[in-house]
Amino acid sequence: DGATEVKVSLSDTREFTARVVGKDGKTDLAVLKIDQISLPAVSFGDSTKVQVGDVVFAIGNPFGVGQTVTMGLVSAMGRGGLGIEEYEDFIQTDAAINPGNSGGALVNARGELIGINTVIFSQSGGYQGIGFAVSSNLARRVTSDIQQYQEVRRGTMGPDQYVPLSTRMAEEIGTPDTRGALVYRMARSSPSYQNGMRPGDVDVAFNGTAVEDPGHLSRMVSDAKIGSTALVTV
């Protein structure tokens, strides 16, 4: 962010000046282009098929020592609400992700890209067994938008604020559990308000998919096609 020159180094020691096609601050992803052809490329895997316990490999350049591979397991899927990025859909892994691994590939046992290493959870700054990678499906969507529009286009239902449900709140409202997103604050100009939603409502499904929490709802709304009509169950 704010760099005046970007270099891409290949494993055969060649180095090229790259052009920044576009970047997305909400996911900490960018698309770079170098003027070369016939370069090998990793194949995208389907991150929705990744399961807890799958073996994964994290590739990167930690501490500037050179290309390094670490092995581990997927320890959780769909991690969000961590306050790391504005838009979060992380694969959690215990494969060592150290400073310098960011932007590197997280691949499965077949060598398919299932994530892009982003950050470690650490109180000391070193590896402590919890790392996060942006899922490949999210990365594919972000990079596709950047290649097509030079930006990421996301849907919205308006400047509304949602909060997670606590057990006590769920009991007071009368919902069966804490799943869903509680509408906390709304703008009268928002499409959701104009179509009948009000503060105190709990969004429990979006286009037929159950809402787990506010972060999950935000991801589904963002991924919805702009201009489309959504069915929200409250």
Protein backbone atom coordinates (compact mmCIF):
# COMPACT_ATOMS: atom_id res chain seq x y z
CA ASP A 1 0.00 0.00 0.00
CA GLY A 2 1.58 3.25 -1.16
CA ALA A 3 4.55 1.52 -2.78
CA THR A 4 6.18 3.42 -5.67
CA GLU A 5 7.77 0.32 -7.20
CA VAL A 6 6.82 -3.36 -7.00
CA LYS A 7 9.16 -6.23 -7.89
CA VAL A 8 8.26 -9.87 -8.53
CA SER A 9 10.99 -12.46 -7.98
CA LEU A 10 10.67 -15.93 -9.53
CA SER A 11 12.09 -19.17 -8.16
CA ASP A 12 14.75 -19.16 -10.92
CA THR A 13 16.10 -15.83 -9.48
CA ARG A 14 14.70 -13.67 -12.31
CA GLU A 15 13.17 -10.41 -11.14
CA PHE A 16 10.63 -8.20 -12.91
CA THR A 17 9.01 -4.85 -12.27
CA ALA A 18 5.27 -5.41 -11.82
CA ARG A 19 2.29 -3.20 -12.59
CA VAL A 20 -0.42 -3.01 -9.93
CA VAL A 21 -3.65 -3.80 -11.79
CA GLY A 22 -5.73 -3.14 -8.68
CA LYS A 23 -5.96 -3.77 -4.96
CA ASP A 24 -8.63 -4.46 -2.37
CA GLY A 25 -8.00 -3.13 1.11
CA LYS A 26 -10.96 -5.02 2.58
CA THR A 27 -9.29 -8.39 1.95
CA ASP A 28 -5.64 -7.25 1.71
CA LEU A 29 -5.35 -8.67 -1.81
CA ALA A 30 -3.89 -7.18 -4.98
CA VAL A 31 -3.39 -8.22 -8.59
CA LEU A 32 0.06 -7.68 -10.11
CA LYS A 33 1.02 -8.10 -13.75
CA ILE A 34 4.44 -8.82 -15.26
CA ASP A 35 5.10 -8.89 -19.00
CA GLN A 36 6.09 -12.54 -19.33
CA ILE A 37 4.48 -15.52 -21.03
CA SER A 38 4.55 -19.31 -20.59
CA LEU A 39 5.11 -19.12 -16.86
CA PRO A 40 3.95 -22.03 -14.66
CA ALA A 41 0.87 -21.23 -12.59
CA VAL A 42 -0.82 -22.84 -9.62
CA SER A 43 -4.33 -24.23 -10.14
CA PHE A 44 -7.18 -22.87 -8.04
CA GLY A 45 -8.89 -25.38 -5.78
CA ASP A 46 -12.44 -25.14 -4.43
CA SER A 47 -12.13 -23.90 -0.84
CA THR A 48 -15.73 -24.96 -0.06
CA LYS A 49 -14.54 -28.57 -0.28
CA VAL A 50 -11.78 -28.06 2.29
CA GLN A 51 -12.48 -29.84 5.58
CA VAL A 52 -11.06 -29.59 9.06
CA GLY A 53 -8.20 -32.08 9.31
CA ASP A 54 -7.05 -31.75 5.69
CA VAL A 55 -3.28 -31.63 5.21
CA VAL A 56 -2.05 -28.29 3.82
CA PHE A 57 1.26 -26.68 2.91
CA ALA A 58 2.08 -23.00 3.44
CA ILE A 59 4.58 -21.56 0.95
CA GLY A 60 6.32 -18.24 1.46
CA ASN A 61 9.51 -16.36 2.25
CA PRO A 62 9.52 -16.06 6.05
CA PHE A 63 12.10 -13.67 7.53
CA GLY A 64 13.65 -13.27 4.06
CA VAL A 65 15.45 -16.62 4.20
CA GLY A 66 14.10 -17.75 0.80
CA GLN A 67 11.24 -19.93 -0.36
CA THR A 68 10.08 -22.19 2.45
CA VAL A 69 7.34 -24.80 2.81
CA THR A 70 5.67 -25.74 6.09
CA MET A 71 3.09 -28.49 6.61
CA GLY A 72 0.07 -28.59 8.87
CA LEU A 73 -3.64 -29.22 9.16
CA VAL A 74 -6.74 -27.16 8.58
CA SER A 75 -8.04 -26.43 12.08
CA ALA A 76 -11.16 -24.36 11.22
CA MET A 77 -13.08 -22.97 8.27
CA GLY A 78 -14.99 -19.74 7.68
CA ARG A 79 -13.29 -17.81 10.44
CA GLY A 80 -14.53 -14.22 10.70
CA GLY A 81 -15.17 -11.48 13.22
CA LEU A 82 -11.48 -11.38 14.13
CA GLY A 83 -10.98 -7.69 13.38
CA ILE A 84 -8.07 -8.45 11.06
CA GLU A 85 -9.67 -7.34 7.81
CA GLU A 86 -12.95 -5.61 7.01
CA TYR A 87 -14.11 -8.63 4.99
CA GLU A 88 -13.12 -11.95 6.56
CA ASP A 89 -13.52 -15.53 5.35
CA PHE A 90 -10.41 -17.26 6.63
CA ILE A 91 -9.09 -20.80 6.60
CA GLN A 92 -7.41 -21.47 9.94
CA THR A 93 -4.33 -23.70 9.92
CA ASP A 94 -1.57 -24.82 12.24
CA ALA A 95 0.93 -24.84 9.35
CA ALA A 96 3.62 -22.36 10.40
CA ILE A 97 2.87 -18.92 8.93
CA ASN A 98 5.59 -16.51 10.00
CA PRO A 99 6.32 -12.88 9.07
CA GLY A 100 7.12 -12.97 5.36
CA ASN A 101 4.61 -15.70 4.55
CA SER A 102 1.85 -13.17 3.79
CA GLY A 103 0.77 -13.42 0.18
CA GLY A 104 2.15 -16.93 -0.17
CA ALA A 105 0.13 -19.92 -1.27
CA LEU A 106 -1.71 -22.33 0.99
CA VAL A 107 -2.07 -25.51 -1.05
CA ASN A 108 -3.66 -28.89 -0.47
CA ALA A 109 -2.04 -32.31 -0.91
CA ARG A 110 -2.82 -32.14 -4.67
CA GLY A 111 -0.95 -28.86 -5.04
CA GLU A 112 -4.12 -26.83 -5.62
CA LEU A 113 -4.39 -23.31 -4.25
CA ILE A 114 -6.97 -23.29 -1.45
CA GLY A 115 -5.91 -20.07 0.26
CA ILE A 116 -3.56 -17.10 0.39
CA ASN A 117 -1.63 -16.77 3.64
CA THR A 118 -2.58 -13.56 5.42
CA VAL A 119 -1.71 -13.33 9.09
CA ILE A 120 -0.72 -15.21 12.24
CA PHE A 121 -2.45 -15.02 15.60
CA SER A 122 0.36 -14.34 18.02
CA GLN A 123 1.01 -12.57 21.30
CA SER A 124 4.77 -12.65 20.80
CA GLY A 125 5.09 -11.94 17.07
CA GLY A 126 6.20 -15.51 16.37
CA TYR A 127 4.43 -18.66 15.26
CA GLN A 128 2.02 -20.07 17.88
CA GLY A 129 0.04 -22.62 15.91
CA ILE A 130 -2.76 -20.43 14.56
CA GLY A 131 -2.52 -18.86 11.11
CA PHE A 132 -5.14 -17.54 8.73
CA ALA A 133 -5.43 -17.63 4.96
CA VAL A 134 -7.95 -15.95 2.66
CA SER A 135 -10.01 -18.73 1.05
CA SER A 136 -9.30 -19.42 -2.62
CA ASN A 137 -12.92 -18.87 -3.66
CA LEU A 138 -12.89 -15.39 -2.11
CA ALA A 139 -9.50 -14.67 -3.68
CA ARG A 140 -10.74 -15.83 -7.08
CA ARG A 141 -13.78 -13.55 -6.85
CA VAL A 142 -11.69 -10.54 -5.75
CA THR A 143 -9.03 -11.03 -8.43
CA SER A 144 -11.65 -11.59 -11.13
CA ASP A 145 -13.35 -8.28 -10.28
CA ILE A 146 -10.01 -6.46 -10.23
CA GLN A 147 -9.03 -7.88 -13.61
CA GLN A 148 -12.39 -6.90 -15.09
CA TYR A 149 -13.13 -3.58 -13.35
CA GLN A 150 -9.82 -2.62 -11.64
CA GLU A 151 -11.79 -2.70 -8.38
CA VAL A 152 -13.99 -5.05 -6.37
CA ARG A 153 -17.73 -4.46 -6.73
CA ARG A 154 -19.76 -5.45 -3.70
CA GLY A 155 -23.46 -5.42 -2.95
CA THR A 156 -25.04 -3.62 -0.01
CA MET A 157 -28.47 -3.30 1.56
CA GLY A 158 -27.69 0.13 2.97
CA PRO A 159 -25.63 1.65 5.80
CA ASP A 160 -27.23 -0.60 8.42
CA GLN A 161 -25.53 -1.87 11.57
CA TYR A 162 -25.87 -5.45 12.78
CA VAL A 163 -24.70 -7.04 16.04
CA PRO A 164 -24.40 -10.69 17.10
CA LEU A 165 -27.01 -12.22 19.39
CA SER A 166 -26.05 -13.17 22.92
CA THR A 167 -27.94 -15.92 24.75
CA ARG A 168 -29.68 -13.33 26.91
CA MET A 169 -30.69 -11.21 23.91
CA ALA A 170 -32.04 -14.28 22.12
CA GLU A 171 -34.18 -15.15 25.15
CA GLU A 172 -35.54 -11.59 25.41
CA ILE A 173 -36.39 -11.40 21.70
CA GLY A 174 -37.78 -14.94 21.58
CA THR A 175 -35.49 -16.49 18.99
CA PRO A 176 -34.67 -20.20 19.41
CA ASP A 177 -30.87 -19.70 19.39
CA THR A 178 -28.12 -17.12 18.84
CA ARG A 179 -27.84 -17.64 15.10
CA GLY A 180 -28.61 -14.66 12.91
CA ALA A 181 -27.81 -10.94 12.82
CA LEU A 182 -29.67 -8.46 15.01
CA VAL A 183 -30.53 -5.19 13.28
CA TYR A 184 -29.14 -2.56 15.67
CA ARG A 185 -29.26 0.68 13.69
CA MET A 186 -30.65 1.64 10.28
CA ALA A 187 -30.75 4.56 7.87
CA ARG A 188 -34.23 5.48 6.65
CA SER A 189 -32.78 5.79 3.15
CA SER A 190 -31.53 2.19 3.05
CA PRO A 191 -33.36 -0.34 0.81
CA SER A 192 -33.79 -2.68 3.79
CA TYR A 193 -35.62 0.00 5.81
CA GLN A 194 -37.79 1.00 2.85
CA ASN A 195 -38.79 -2.64 2.41
CA GLY A 196 -40.01 -3.09 5.98
CA MET A 197 -36.98 -4.12 8.05
CA ARG A 198 -36.67 -2.36 11.41
CA PRO A 199 -34.20 -2.17 14.33
CA GLY A 200 -34.81 -5.16 16.61
CA ASP A 201 -35.44 -7.55 13.72
CA VAL A 202 -33.16 -10.57 13.44
CA ASP A 203 -32.05 -11.57 9.94
CA VAL A 204 -32.01 -15.37 9.92
CA ALA A 205 -31.66 -16.12 6.19
CA PHE A 206 -30.43 -14.41 3.03
CA ASN A 207 -31.63 -15.78 -0.30
CA GLY A 208 -32.48 -19.05 1.41
CA THR A 209 -29.12 -19.49 3.18
CA ALA A 210 -29.20 -19.46 6.98
CA VAL A 211 -27.34 -16.53 8.56
CA GLU A 212 -24.82 -17.64 11.18
CA ASP A 213 -23.76 -14.18 12.43
CA PRO A 214 -23.38 -10.56 11.21
CA GLY A 215 -20.08 -11.33 9.49
CA HIS A 216 -21.66 -14.19 7.53
CA LEU A 217 -24.54 -11.92 6.48
CA SER A 218 -22.09 -9.21 5.40
CA ARG A 219 -20.20 -11.67 3.19
CA MET A 220 -23.37 -12.91 1.50
CA VAL A 221 -24.67 -9.38 0.89
CA SER A 222 -21.29 -8.29 -0.49
CA ASP A 223 -21.19 -11.25 -2.87
CA ALA A 224 -24.74 -10.64 -4.16
CA LYS A 225 -25.02 -9.19 -7.64
CA ILE A 226 -25.47 -5.43 -7.61
CA GLY A 227 -29.00 -4.47 -8.66
CA SER A 228 -30.45 -7.88 -7.86
CA THR A 229 -33.40 -8.47 -5.52
CA ALA A 230 -32.67 -10.39 -2.33
CA LEU A 231 -35.03 -12.37 -0.14
CA VAL A 232 -34.25 -11.67 3.51
CA THR A 233 -35.99 -13.75 6.19
CA VAL A 234 -36.41 -12.01 9.57
